[in-house]
Amino acid sequence: MNNDQKTKLIFLITGILFILLFCILLIPNASASCMNITDRTINSISWNYSNSSPIISASLDGIILQNFDNTSHIYSAKNLLPDSEHTFFILEINNTISNITRTLSEPQTETDILINYIFIYLFFIVALGCIIIGLKIPFIALIGSGFAILGILDTIISQWFISFIFMCIFCAGIFVAFSKE
């Protein structure tokens, strides 16, 4: 395999990695839902439902709700833990309705936000520095790609653009590491 073919192959592999990572960023978070959620807070969830047949029973997290009022078509669960998952289940004569929902997380403190930004910038500087050094020592570029992956994992949920930048750094690190002879 000559040098020109090797470079084309590396471009192809890097392009495929870039496209795959980009597609992963675009996948939306799916949520299982069979009824409407009317309100969600740090420690409560309210569901709005409609029933086509009489309700036999209802449960929250597997515990049957005593004295369940099905005339209002709204059920509110209160005093729940922050960022916790809860299942609301309604059993009708010929149907079941269920929904799995999380309560909201507690807001981040200023200290937590500052620490997150410090890690993002640290991953960015180390990843970019390793790729620059990788121009002379290709193995170091792989280490830079590893730090870019850490940056993606740290930011993928909340900061899409920064994850995209880290994805570019990752692909550049792979390219630099494997383009040297």
N, C-alpha and C. Protein backbone atom coordinates (compact mmCIF):
# COMPACT_ATOMS: atom_id res chain seq x y z
N MET A 1 0.86 -1.17 0.00
CA MET A 1 0.00 0.00 0.00
C MET A 1 0.91 1.24 0.00
N ASN A 2 0.73 2.09 -1.00
CA ASN A 2 1.58 3.28 -1.06
C ASN A 2 1.04 4.36 -0.13
N ASN A 3 1.82 5.42 -0.04
CA ASN A 3 1.50 6.51 0.90
C ASN A 3 0.18 7.19 0.55
N ASP A 4 -0.09 7.39 -0.73
CA ASP A 4 -1.33 8.05 -1.17
C ASP A 4 -2.56 7.22 -0.80
N GLN A 5 -2.49 5.91 -1.00
CA GLN A 5 -3.61 5.05 -0.64
C GLN A 5 -3.81 5.02 0.87
N LYS A 6 -2.71 5.02 1.61
CA LYS A 6 -2.80 5.01 3.07
C LYS A 6 -3.49 6.29 3.58
N THR A 7 -3.12 7.42 3.00
CA THR A 7 -3.73 8.70 3.39
C THR A 7 -5.22 8.71 3.08
N LYS A 8 -5.60 8.20 1.91
CA LYS A 8 -7.03 8.14 1.55
C LYS A 8 -7.79 7.23 2.51
N LEU A 9 -7.19 6.11 2.89
CA LEU A 9 -7.84 5.19 3.83
C LEU A 9 -8.03 5.85 5.19
N ILE A 10 -7.02 6.58 5.64
CA ILE A 10 -7.12 7.26 6.93
C ILE A 10 -8.19 8.34 6.88
N PHE A 11 -8.26 9.09 5.76
CA PHE A 11 -9.33 10.08 5.60
C PHE A 11 -10.70 9.41 5.65
N LEU A 12 -10.84 8.28 5.00
CA LEU A 12 -12.11 7.56 4.98
C LEU A 12 -12.51 7.10 6.38
N ILE A 13 -11.57 6.50 7.10
CA ILE A 13 -11.86 6.01 8.46
C ILE A 13 -12.22 7.17 9.39
N THR A 14 -11.45 8.27 9.28
CA THR A 14 -11.73 9.44 10.12
C THR A 14 -13.09 10.03 9.78
N GLY A 15 -13.44 10.08 8.49
CA GLY A 15 -14.74 10.59 8.09
C GLY A 15 -15.88 9.73 8.61
N ILE A 16 -15.70 8.42 8.55
CA ILE A 16 -16.73 7.51 9.08
C ILE A 16 -16.89 7.70 10.58
N LEU A 17 -15.78 7.81 11.32
CA LEU A 17 -15.85 8.05 12.77
C LEU A 17 -16.59 9.36 13.06
N PHE A 18 -16.27 10.40 12.28
CA PHE A 18 -16.91 11.69 12.48
C PHE A 18 -18.42 11.59 12.26
N ILE A 19 -18.83 10.92 11.19
CA ILE A 19 -20.25 10.79 10.88
C ILE A 19 -20.96 9.98 11.97
N LEU A 20 -20.34 8.89 12.44
CA LEU A 20 -20.95 8.08 13.50
C LEU A 20 -21.12 8.89 14.79
N LEU A 21 -20.09 9.62 15.19
CA LEU A 21 -20.19 10.42 16.40
C LEU A 21 -21.23 11.52 16.25
N PHE A 22 -21.31 12.12 15.06
CA PHE A 22 -22.30 13.16 14.81
C PHE A 22 -23.71 12.59 14.92
N CYS A 23 -23.93 11.39 14.38
CA CYS A 23 -25.25 10.75 14.47
C CYS A 23 -25.62 10.45 15.92
N ILE A 24 -24.64 10.04 16.72
CA ILE A 24 -24.91 9.76 18.14
C ILE A 24 -25.36 11.04 18.85
N LEU A 25 -24.75 12.17 18.50
CA LEU A 25 -25.15 13.44 19.12
C LEU A 25 -26.58 13.83 18.74
N LEU A 26 -27.05 13.40 17.56
CA LEU A 26 -28.37 13.80 17.09
C LEU A 26 -29.50 12.92 17.61
N ILE A 27 -29.19 11.76 18.20
CA ILE A 27 -30.24 10.86 18.67
C ILE A 27 -30.94 11.51 19.87
N PRO A 28 -32.24 11.71 19.78
CA PRO A 28 -32.95 12.33 20.91
C PRO A 28 -33.12 11.35 22.06
N ASN A 29 -33.27 11.90 23.25
CA ASN A 29 -33.57 11.05 24.41
C ASN A 29 -35.02 10.65 24.35
N ALA A 30 -35.26 9.35 24.25
CA ALA A 30 -36.64 8.87 24.16
C ALA A 30 -37.25 8.79 25.56
N SER A 31 -38.53 9.00 25.64
CA SER A 31 -39.20 8.88 26.92
C SER A 31 -40.45 8.04 26.73
N ALA A 32 -40.60 7.03 27.59
CA ALA A 32 -41.78 6.16 27.50
C ALA A 32 -42.97 6.94 28.03
N SER A 33 -44.03 7.05 27.23
CA SER A 33 -45.17 7.85 27.66
C SER A 33 -46.46 7.32 27.06
N CYS A 34 -47.43 7.06 27.92
CA CYS A 34 -48.75 6.61 27.47
C CYS A 34 -49.84 7.54 27.97
N MET A 35 -49.46 8.55 28.72
CA MET A 35 -50.39 9.54 29.24
C MET A 35 -49.64 10.86 29.34
N ASN A 36 -50.36 11.93 29.55
CA ASN A 36 -49.72 13.25 29.60
C ASN A 36 -49.20 13.56 30.99
N ILE A 37 -48.05 14.24 31.00
CA ILE A 37 -47.51 14.76 32.26
C ILE A 37 -47.88 16.23 32.29
N THR A 38 -48.63 16.64 33.30
CA THR A 38 -49.07 18.04 33.35
C THR A 38 -48.10 18.92 34.12
N ASP A 39 -47.37 18.34 35.07
CA ASP A 39 -46.45 19.15 35.88
C ASP A 39 -45.37 18.24 36.44
N ARG A 40 -44.15 18.76 36.47
CA ARG A 40 -43.03 18.01 37.02
C ARG A 40 -42.13 18.99 37.74
N THR A 41 -41.83 18.72 39.00
CA THR A 41 -40.95 19.58 39.78
C THR A 41 -39.85 18.72 40.38
N ILE A 42 -39.07 19.31 41.28
CA ILE A 42 -37.99 18.57 41.94
C ILE A 42 -38.55 17.43 42.78
N ASN A 43 -39.72 17.63 43.41
CA ASN A 43 -40.24 16.60 44.31
C ASN A 43 -41.69 16.20 44.04
N SER A 44 -42.22 16.47 42.82
CA SER A 44 -43.59 16.03 42.52
C SER A 44 -43.78 15.83 41.02
N ILE A 45 -44.74 14.98 40.69
CA ILE A 45 -45.13 14.73 39.30
C ILE A 45 -46.66 14.68 39.26
N SER A 46 -47.26 15.31 38.24
CA SER A 46 -48.70 15.23 38.04
C SER A 46 -48.98 14.65 36.66
N TRP A 47 -49.87 13.66 36.63
CA TRP A 47 -50.26 13.01 35.38
C TRP A 47 -51.70 13.34 35.05
N ASN A 48 -51.99 13.51 33.78
CA ASN A 48 -53.34 13.70 33.28
C ASN A 48 -53.64 12.49 32.38
N TYR A 49 -54.72 11.81 32.61
CA TYR A 49 -55.03 10.60 31.85
C TYR A 49 -56.50 10.59 31.47
N SER A 50 -56.78 9.79 30.46
CA SER A 50 -58.18 9.58 30.09
C SER A 50 -58.40 8.07 30.01
N ASN A 51 -59.54 7.64 30.47
CA ASN A 51 -59.81 6.21 30.47
C ASN A 51 -61.02 5.91 29.58
N SER A 52 -60.90 4.80 28.84
CA SER A 52 -61.98 4.40 27.95
C SER A 52 -62.92 3.40 28.62
N SER A 53 -62.47 2.79 29.69
CA SER A 53 -63.32 1.85 30.44
C SER A 53 -63.09 2.08 31.93
N PRO A 54 -63.92 1.52 32.79
CA PRO A 54 -63.78 1.75 34.23
C PRO A 54 -62.40 1.31 34.77
N ILE A 55 -61.91 2.10 35.71
CA ILE A 55 -60.60 1.81 36.30
C ILE A 55 -60.75 0.81 37.43
N ILE A 56 -59.95 -0.23 37.39
CA ILE A 56 -59.95 -1.25 38.45
C ILE A 56 -59.05 -0.82 39.60
N SER A 57 -57.81 -0.41 39.24
CA SER A 57 -56.88 0.04 40.28
C SER A 57 -55.81 0.92 39.66
N ALA A 58 -55.08 1.59 40.53
CA ALA A 58 -53.96 2.43 40.12
C ALA A 58 -52.82 2.22 41.10
N SER A 59 -51.60 2.33 40.60
CA SER A 59 -50.45 2.17 41.50
C SER A 59 -49.35 3.15 41.13
N LEU A 60 -48.56 3.47 42.12
CA LEU A 60 -47.38 4.31 41.93
C LEU A 60 -46.20 3.52 42.44
N ASP A 61 -45.23 3.25 41.58
CA ASP A 61 -44.04 2.47 41.92
C ASP A 61 -44.39 1.11 42.50
N GLY A 62 -45.43 0.49 41.99
CA GLY A 62 -45.81 -0.85 42.40
C GLY A 62 -46.68 -0.92 43.65
N ILE A 63 -46.97 0.22 44.25
CA ILE A 63 -47.80 0.26 45.45
C ILE A 63 -49.21 0.71 45.04
N ILE A 64 -50.20 -0.11 45.33
CA ILE A 64 -51.58 0.20 44.95
C ILE A 64 -52.06 1.42 45.74
N LEU A 65 -52.66 2.35 45.04
CA LEU A 65 -53.16 3.58 45.65
C LEU A 65 -54.56 3.34 46.21
N GLN A 66 -54.70 3.48 47.51
CA GLN A 66 -55.99 3.34 48.17
C GLN A 66 -56.78 4.63 47.95
N ASN A 67 -58.08 4.52 47.84
CA ASN A 67 -58.97 5.68 47.66
C ASN A 67 -58.58 6.52 46.45
N PHE A 68 -58.24 5.85 45.36
CA PHE A 68 -57.86 6.54 44.13
C PHE A 68 -59.10 7.18 43.50
N ASP A 69 -59.04 8.51 43.28
CA ASP A 69 -60.16 9.26 42.71
C ASP A 69 -59.97 9.35 41.20
N ASN A 70 -60.81 8.62 40.45
CA ASN A 70 -60.65 8.63 39.00
C ASN A 70 -61.62 9.58 38.31
N THR A 71 -62.26 10.44 39.05
CA THR A 71 -63.21 11.38 38.42
C THR A 71 -62.50 12.62 37.87
N SER A 72 -61.40 13.02 38.49
CA SER A 72 -60.70 14.23 38.04
C SER A 72 -59.76 13.96 36.86
N HIS A 73 -59.37 12.73 36.65
CA HIS A 73 -58.43 12.34 35.59
C HIS A 73 -57.07 12.99 35.76
N ILE A 74 -56.74 13.36 36.97
CA ILE A 74 -55.42 13.91 37.29
C ILE A 74 -54.94 13.23 38.56
N TYR A 75 -53.68 12.79 38.56
CA TYR A 75 -53.09 12.25 39.78
C TYR A 75 -51.77 12.95 40.02
N SER A 76 -51.56 13.40 41.25
CA SER A 76 -50.31 14.07 41.62
C SER A 76 -49.60 13.28 42.71
N ALA A 77 -48.33 12.99 42.49
CA ALA A 77 -47.50 12.35 43.51
C ALA A 77 -46.59 13.42 44.08
N LYS A 78 -46.57 13.53 45.40
CA LYS A 78 -45.78 14.57 46.06
C LYS A 78 -44.77 13.93 47.00
N ASN A 79 -43.86 14.75 47.52
CA ASN A 79 -42.81 14.32 48.45
C ASN A 79 -41.92 13.23 47.84
N LEU A 80 -41.57 13.38 46.57
CA LEU A 80 -40.68 12.45 45.90
C LEU A 80 -39.24 12.97 45.98
N LEU A 81 -38.29 12.10 45.81
CA LEU A 81 -36.89 12.51 45.83
C LEU A 81 -36.52 13.19 44.51
N PRO A 82 -35.60 14.16 44.56
CA PRO A 82 -35.16 14.80 43.31
C PRO A 82 -34.46 13.78 42.40
N ASP A 83 -34.62 13.95 41.11
CA ASP A 83 -33.99 13.12 40.08
C ASP A 83 -34.22 11.62 40.33
N SER A 84 -35.46 11.27 40.64
CA SER A 84 -35.81 9.87 40.87
C SER A 84 -36.89 9.44 39.88
N GLU A 85 -36.86 8.17 39.50
CA GLU A 85 -37.78 7.65 38.50
C GLU A 85 -39.00 7.03 39.17
N HIS A 86 -40.19 7.30 38.61
CA HIS A 86 -41.43 6.80 39.19
C HIS A 86 -42.35 6.28 38.08
N THR A 87 -43.04 5.18 38.39
CA THR A 87 -43.95 4.56 37.44
C THR A 87 -45.38 4.70 37.94
N PHE A 88 -46.21 5.32 37.12
CA PHE A 88 -47.64 5.45 37.43
C PHE A 88 -48.36 4.48 36.51
N PHE A 89 -49.21 3.63 37.08
CA PHE A 89 -49.84 2.54 36.35
C PHE A 89 -51.34 2.52 36.64
N ILE A 90 -52.16 2.48 35.60
CA ILE A 90 -53.61 2.39 35.76
C ILE A 90 -54.08 1.11 35.09
N LEU A 91 -54.84 0.32 35.81
CA LEU A 91 -55.40 -0.92 35.28
C LEU A 91 -56.89 -0.72 35.05
N GLU A 92 -57.30 -0.85 33.79
CA GLU A 92 -58.71 -0.77 33.43
C GLU A 92 -59.24 -2.18 33.18
N ILE A 93 -60.51 -2.30 32.90
CA ILE A 93 -61.09 -3.61 32.65
C ILE A 93 -60.43 -4.28 31.44
N ASN A 94 -60.22 -3.54 30.36
CA ASN A 94 -59.65 -4.16 29.18
C ASN A 94 -58.42 -3.43 28.64
N ASN A 95 -57.74 -2.68 29.49
CA ASN A 95 -56.59 -1.91 29.03
C ASN A 95 -55.69 -1.57 30.22
N THR A 96 -54.43 -1.28 29.92
CA THR A 96 -53.53 -0.76 30.95
C THR A 96 -52.87 0.50 30.41
N ILE A 97 -52.67 1.45 31.28
CA ILE A 97 -51.99 2.70 30.94
C ILE A 97 -50.86 2.85 31.93
N SER A 98 -49.65 3.13 31.41
CA SER A 98 -48.53 3.33 32.33
C SER A 98 -47.62 4.43 31.80
N ASN A 99 -46.85 5.00 32.71
CA ASN A 99 -45.91 6.05 32.36
C ASN A 99 -44.76 6.02 33.35
N ILE A 100 -43.56 6.14 32.82
CA ILE A 100 -42.35 6.22 33.65
C ILE A 100 -41.79 7.62 33.48
N THR A 101 -41.65 8.33 34.59
CA THR A 101 -41.20 9.72 34.57
C THR A 101 -40.21 9.98 35.69
N ARG A 102 -39.27 10.89 35.45
CA ARG A 102 -38.30 11.29 36.46
C ARG A 102 -38.69 12.66 37.01
N THR A 103 -38.44 12.84 38.29
CA THR A 103 -38.57 14.19 38.86
C THR A 103 -37.38 15.00 38.36
N LEU A 104 -37.47 16.30 38.46
CA LEU A 104 -36.37 17.16 38.02
C LEU A 104 -35.20 17.06 38.99
N SER A 105 -34.02 17.38 38.49
CA SER A 105 -32.82 17.40 39.33
C SER A 105 -32.77 18.70 40.11
N GLU A 106 -32.05 18.66 41.20
CA GLU A 106 -31.82 19.90 41.94
C GLU A 106 -30.92 20.79 41.09
N PRO A 107 -31.14 22.09 41.11
CA PRO A 107 -30.29 22.98 40.32
C PRO A 107 -28.83 22.89 40.77
N GLN A 108 -27.92 23.02 39.81
CA GLN A 108 -26.51 22.98 40.15
C GLN A 108 -26.11 24.25 40.89
N THR A 109 -25.19 24.09 41.82
CA THR A 109 -24.66 25.25 42.52
C THR A 109 -23.62 25.91 41.64
N GLU A 110 -23.24 27.14 41.98
CA GLU A 110 -22.22 27.85 41.22
C GLU A 110 -20.89 27.11 41.26
N THR A 111 -20.60 26.46 42.38
CA THR A 111 -19.36 25.68 42.51
C THR A 111 -19.36 24.50 41.55
N ASP A 112 -20.49 23.79 41.45
CA ASP A 112 -20.58 22.67 40.52
C ASP A 112 -20.40 23.13 39.07
N ILE A 113 -21.00 24.24 38.73
CA ILE A 113 -20.88 24.77 37.36
C ILE A 113 -19.42 25.15 37.09
N LEU A 114 -18.76 25.80 38.04
CA LEU A 114 -17.36 26.19 37.87
C LEU A 114 -16.47 24.97 37.69
N ILE A 115 -16.69 23.93 38.49
CA ILE A 115 -15.89 22.70 38.38
C ILE A 115 -16.11 22.05 37.02
N ASN A 116 -17.35 22.03 36.53
CA ASN A 116 -17.62 21.47 35.21
C ASN A 116 -16.86 22.22 34.12
N TYR A 117 -16.87 23.55 34.16
CA TYR A 117 -16.15 24.34 33.16
C TYR A 117 -14.65 24.12 33.26
N ILE A 118 -14.12 23.99 34.47
CA ILE A 118 -12.69 23.72 34.62
C ILE A 118 -12.34 22.40 33.95
N PHE A 119 -13.15 21.36 34.16
CA PHE A 119 -12.88 20.07 33.52
C PHE A 119 -12.99 20.16 32.01
N ILE A 120 -14.00 20.89 31.51
CA ILE A 120 -14.15 21.03 30.06
C ILE A 120 -12.91 21.68 29.46
N TYR A 121 -12.45 22.78 30.05
CA TYR A 121 -11.27 23.47 29.51
C TYR A 121 -10.02 22.62 29.68
N LEU A 122 -9.90 21.91 30.78
CA LEU A 122 -8.75 21.03 31.00
C LEU A 122 -8.70 19.93 29.94
N PHE A 123 -9.84 19.26 29.70
CA PHE A 123 -9.90 18.23 28.66
C PHE A 123 -9.54 18.82 27.29
N PHE A 124 -10.06 20.03 27.02
CA PHE A 124 -9.82 20.67 25.73
C PHE A 124 -8.33 20.97 25.54
N ILE A 125 -7.70 21.58 26.54
CA ILE A 125 -6.28 21.96 26.45
C ILE A 125 -5.40 20.72 26.32
N VAL A 126 -5.66 19.70 27.16
CA VAL A 126 -4.84 18.49 27.12
C VAL A 126 -5.04 17.76 25.79
N ALA A 127 -6.28 17.65 25.32
CA ALA A 127 -6.55 16.96 24.06
C ALA A 127 -5.86 17.67 22.90
N LEU A 128 -6.01 18.97 22.82
CA LEU A 128 -5.39 19.73 21.74
C LEU A 128 -3.87 19.69 21.83
N GLY A 129 -3.33 19.83 23.04
CA GLY A 129 -1.88 19.75 23.24
C GLY A 129 -1.31 18.40 22.84
N CYS A 130 -2.00 17.34 23.19
CA CYS A 130 -1.55 15.99 22.82
C CYS A 130 -1.56 15.80 21.31
N ILE A 131 -2.55 16.36 20.64
CA ILE A 131 -2.61 16.22 19.18
C ILE A 131 -1.49 17.02 18.53
N ILE A 132 -1.18 18.19 19.07
CA ILE A 132 -0.06 18.97 18.52
C ILE A 132 1.25 18.22 18.72
N ILE A 133 1.46 17.69 19.92
CA ILE A 133 2.66 16.89 20.18
C ILE A 133 2.63 15.62 19.32
N GLY A 134 1.43 15.11 19.05
CA GLY A 134 1.26 13.92 18.23
C GLY A 134 1.74 14.09 16.81
N LEU A 135 1.92 15.34 16.36
CA LEU A 135 2.49 15.55 15.03
C LEU A 135 3.91 15.01 14.98
N LYS A 136 4.60 14.99 16.11
CA LYS A 136 5.97 14.44 16.19
C LYS A 136 5.96 13.00 16.71
N ILE A 137 5.10 12.72 17.70
CA ILE A 137 5.01 11.38 18.29
C ILE A 137 3.56 10.91 18.15
N PRO A 138 3.25 10.11 17.12
CA PRO A 138 1.86 9.76 16.82
C PRO A 138 1.07 9.13 17.97
N PHE A 139 1.74 8.37 18.83
CA PHE A 139 1.02 7.72 19.93
C PHE A 139 0.37 8.74 20.86
N ILE A 140 1.00 9.88 21.04
CA ILE A 140 0.47 10.93 21.92
C ILE A 140 -0.86 11.46 21.37
N ALA A 141 -1.04 11.45 20.06
CA ALA A 141 -2.31 11.91 19.48
C ALA A 141 -3.46 11.01 19.91
N LEU A 142 -3.18 9.72 20.08
CA LEU A 142 -4.23 8.82 20.59
C LEU A 142 -4.63 9.19 22.01
N ILE A 143 -3.68 9.58 22.82
CA ILE A 143 -3.98 10.03 24.19
C ILE A 143 -4.86 11.29 24.12
N GLY A 144 -4.54 12.19 23.18
CA GLY A 144 -5.37 13.39 22.98
C GLY A 144 -6.78 13.03 22.59
N SER A 145 -6.93 11.99 21.75
CA SER A 145 -8.28 11.53 21.38
C SER A 145 -9.02 11.01 22.60
N GLY A 146 -8.30 10.35 23.51
CA GLY A 146 -8.91 9.86 24.75
C GLY A 146 -9.44 11.01 25.59
N PHE A 147 -8.67 12.09 25.70
CA PHE A 147 -9.15 13.25 26.45
C PHE A 147 -10.32 13.92 25.74
N ALA A 148 -10.34 13.87 24.40
CA ALA A 148 -11.48 14.42 23.66
C ALA A 148 -12.74 13.61 23.97
N ILE A 149 -12.60 12.28 24.08
CA ILE A 149 -13.75 11.43 24.44
C ILE A 149 -14.25 11.80 25.84
N LEU A 150 -13.32 12.03 26.78
CA LEU A 150 -13.74 12.45 28.13
C LEU A 150 -14.51 13.78 28.05
N GLY A 151 -14.06 14.68 27.20
CA GLY A 151 -14.76 15.95 27.02
C GLY A 151 -16.15 15.75 26.44
N ILE A 152 -16.27 14.84 25.47
CA ILE A 152 -17.59 14.55 24.89
C ILE A 152 -18.52 13.99 25.96
N LEU A 153 -18.03 13.05 26.74
CA LEU A 153 -18.87 12.44 27.78
C LEU A 153 -19.28 13.45 28.84
N ASP A 154 -18.42 14.41 29.11
CA ASP A 154 -18.70 15.42 30.14
C ASP A 154 -19.72 16.44 29.65
N THR A 155 -19.81 16.67 28.33
CA THR A 155 -20.65 17.76 27.84
C THR A 155 -21.80 17.31 26.97
N ILE A 156 -21.90 16.05 26.61
CA ILE A 156 -22.86 15.61 25.60
C ILE A 156 -24.31 15.90 25.98
N ILE A 157 -24.62 15.86 27.24
CA ILE A 157 -26.02 16.02 27.64
C ILE A 157 -26.45 17.48 27.56
N SER A 158 -25.60 18.39 27.98
CA SER A 158 -26.08 19.77 28.11
C SER A 158 -25.51 20.74 27.09
N GLN A 159 -24.35 20.44 26.52
CA GLN A 159 -23.71 21.44 25.68
C GLN A 159 -23.33 20.81 24.34
N TRP A 160 -24.26 20.83 23.42
CA TRP A 160 -24.11 20.16 22.15
C TRP A 160 -22.94 20.70 21.34
N PHE A 161 -22.76 22.01 21.27
CA PHE A 161 -21.71 22.61 20.45
C PHE A 161 -20.32 22.23 20.96
N ILE A 162 -20.13 22.25 22.26
CA ILE A 162 -18.83 21.87 22.82
C ILE A 162 -18.56 20.40 22.55
N SER A 163 -19.58 19.55 22.63
CA SER A 163 -19.41 18.13 22.28
C SER A 163 -18.98 17.99 20.83
N PHE A 164 -19.51 18.82 19.96
CA PHE A 164 -19.14 18.80 18.55
C PHE A 164 -17.67 19.16 18.37
N ILE A 165 -17.19 20.16 19.11
CA ILE A 165 -15.78 20.55 19.03
C ILE A 165 -14.89 19.40 19.52
N PHE A 166 -15.26 18.76 20.63
CA PHE A 166 -14.49 17.63 21.12
C PHE A 166 -14.51 16.48 20.11
N MET A 167 -15.62 16.29 19.42
CA MET A 167 -15.71 15.25 18.41
C MET A 167 -14.72 15.53 17.28
N CYS A 168 -14.59 16.78 16.88
CA CYS A 168 -13.61 17.16 15.86
C CYS A 168 -12.18 16.89 16.35
N ILE A 169 -11.90 17.21 17.60
CA ILE A 169 -10.57 16.96 18.16
C ILE A 169 -10.29 15.46 18.19
N PHE A 170 -11.29 14.66 18.55
CA PHE A 170 -11.12 13.20 18.57
C PHE A 170 -10.74 12.69 17.18
N CYS A 171 -11.47 13.11 16.17
CA CYS A 171 -11.19 12.65 14.81
C CYS A 171 -9.81 13.14 14.34
N ALA A 172 -9.44 14.37 14.70
CA ALA A 172 -8.11 14.88 14.34
C ALA A 172 -7.02 14.05 15.00
N GLY A 173 -7.24 13.67 16.26
CA GLY A 173 -6.25 12.83 16.96
C GLY A 173 -6.09 11.48 16.30
N ILE A 174 -7.19 10.88 15.90
CA ILE A 174 -7.11 9.59 15.20
C ILE A 174 -6.37 9.76 13.88
N PHE A 175 -6.68 10.83 13.16
CA PHE A 175 -6.02 11.07 11.87
C PHE A 175 -4.52 11.27 12.07
N VAL A 176 -4.13 12.12 13.01
CA VAL A 176 -2.71 12.40 13.24
C VAL A 176 -1.99 11.13 13.69
N ALA A 177 -2.62 10.36 14.55
CA ALA A 177 -1.96 9.16 15.08
C ALA A 177 -1.68 8.12 14.00
N PHE A 178 -2.58 8.00 13.05
CA PHE A 178 -2.42 6.94 12.05
C PHE A 178 -1.91 7.44 10.70
N SER A 179 -1.71 8.74 10.55
CA SER A 179 -1.23 9.24 9.26
C SER A 179 0.30 9.19 9.17
N LYS A 180 0.99 9.08 10.28
CA LYS A 180 2.46 8.98 10.27
C LYS A 180 2.87 7.57 9.93
N GLU A 181 4.03 7.46 9.30
CA GLU A 181 4.51 6.11 8.95
C GLU A 181 5.27 5.50 10.09
